[in-house]
Each structure stands twice: as C-alpha cells, then as structure tokens.
C-alpha cells in the first residue's frame, strides 16, 4: 500500500530529474566545447612548434614554447564552471527531493513536475548557499591534504624523505606522505555528510542557511553512524559508477578522436586531450539520472525520519 501511494511522487520527481539531467548534459557539453574553442589557437601553436622541431630534426618537449600555461588557464576556468554547474545541480535535486519527500509524507495529493518545480525554485538561492557552504570543508580538506603531500615530496618535513625510484618506501614516508594526507582529505566528505540535511531544512522549514547547517549538524549528531555509513556507501557507489561508466565508454573516445582529427586537420595534441577526458566527462554527466535519485532520496528520507523521531522524543538510533 505504501509503495502504491508513493508511486505518483516518484514518477514526478524522477521526471524532474530527467529534465535536470538533460539540461545539465547540454550545459556541460557547451562548457567543454567552449574550453576547446578557447584553447584552439594554443593547440595550433603547440602543433606548429612540434612540427618545426621535427622538420629540423631537433628534440622538443611537449607544450613547451609557451603552450602550457594558456592551456592551464583554460582548464582552470572550465573546471570552475563545471564545479558551479555541479553545485547548482546538486542544490536543485536535493531541494526537489526534500519537497517531494515532505509531500509524500503528508499525502498532499498528486504531484506534477511543474508543481514540484514551483515549490522548489523559490528556495533555490538558499539551497545554493547551503550547498556552497557545505562544500567548503571538502575543498579545504582537499587543499590541506595536497599541501601536506607536496610538502613531503619537496623534502620540507624534517626526517621524512621521499622514496627513491626502485626502492621500498619507508614506514615513516608511507605514514606522513600518503596515509596522513588521505586521512585529512577524508575528513571533508565526513563533515559534508553531517551537513547533508541542511538543504531540506532551508527549503522546508525556511531556515537561514547558517541555521539550516547548524540544524543538520544537530539532527545527524543523534545518528552519526547511520549518517556516515549511508554517506560513505553512496559516495563509494557514485565513484564505482563513474569508474565503470568511464571504462565502458572508452571505445566512444576512439570515434570522437577520429572526428576531432578530421575537424582539427590531424592535430594530435587537441585530439589527445579530447580522448583523455571524454570517457570521464560523459560518465560524470550520467551521475544525475543514475545516481542522484538514490543519493537525494536517501538523505531526504533520512532527514524526514530524524525530524519525526525528534518530534516524538525518541532516540534517532
């Protein structure tokens, strides 16, 4: 009976997800295409540089002669735009699934995609702010882990020396140079899981972003093990989907490379970059329709359960 009652809500929310996913794919492809267009002249210069050296029978280094830093700048801009796109998609879907879960719990009648969007869009600025603030610990821990790793690699940590090529890593180098940075980086996602209910709090309860974050921390404090366990499983599942999808899509890169060779007049440099990033890029674009329904739905239900338990005065477990 419960399954039959929830089916209309699931149809509406997944229809909404498919629309968001299609728009995400279009915008993501446009960003990548814009990046290649912005770097086109640089790739042409790299090819000319390599061709000149080959013709003169001189040695050369890939992306030398000023070709590397312009590509890095383009890559940074593209990466930033894709991160913003991911933030928007995450906020929209988290908010929509929170609205749908609340509607389902209250049995508010049929729910359409249009109605779901109407209820969601008014709180999107707050949802965006909440998710941006929640992502800050992830970015901070990732930067800290990278700085620690680079400090070790540059031999700036007293008593710790990187392992020479062909030799076995020392226990101290393994601990400080690898285990510790990985542990620091993992703190970011763990904090994000604790803040994962903030979107629902700001959308449903209309709390300010900072109050919603605090409220999420309080709710998940009563169910730390469950929250961290679900978050870890969902993150591992998403990573597995990306890896498997990228592997399955590898043959697609061959045909895309042939098309790029034709379009670029046999420029192997720009073709190589396309072939390298295409499987992972397409795999990431598959996350919204394949993984986000499970992720957003799980945290929406978790938030509803924890609020209900709190209202009933029961331990969250």
Foldseek 3Di string as FASTA:
>chain_A
DLCVLLVLLVVQLLVLLVVLLVVLVVVLVVLVVVLCVQLVVLLVVQVVVVVVCVVVVHDDDRCPPPSPVVNVVSVVVSVVVNVLSVLLSLLQSLQLLLVSVVCSVVSVDGDHNVNSCVLRVVLSVQSSVLSVVLQVLLVVLLVVLVVQLVCLCVVVDPPGHDDDPPDDHDPVCCVRNPVVSVVSNVVSLLSSLLQVQLSSCCSVVVDGSVVSSVVSNVLCVLVSPVSSVVSVVLVVVLVVQLVVQLVVCLVVLVVVLVVVCVVSVNSVVSSVVSSVCVSSSVSVSCCSSPRSVVVSNVSSVLSVLSVVCVVVVHGSD
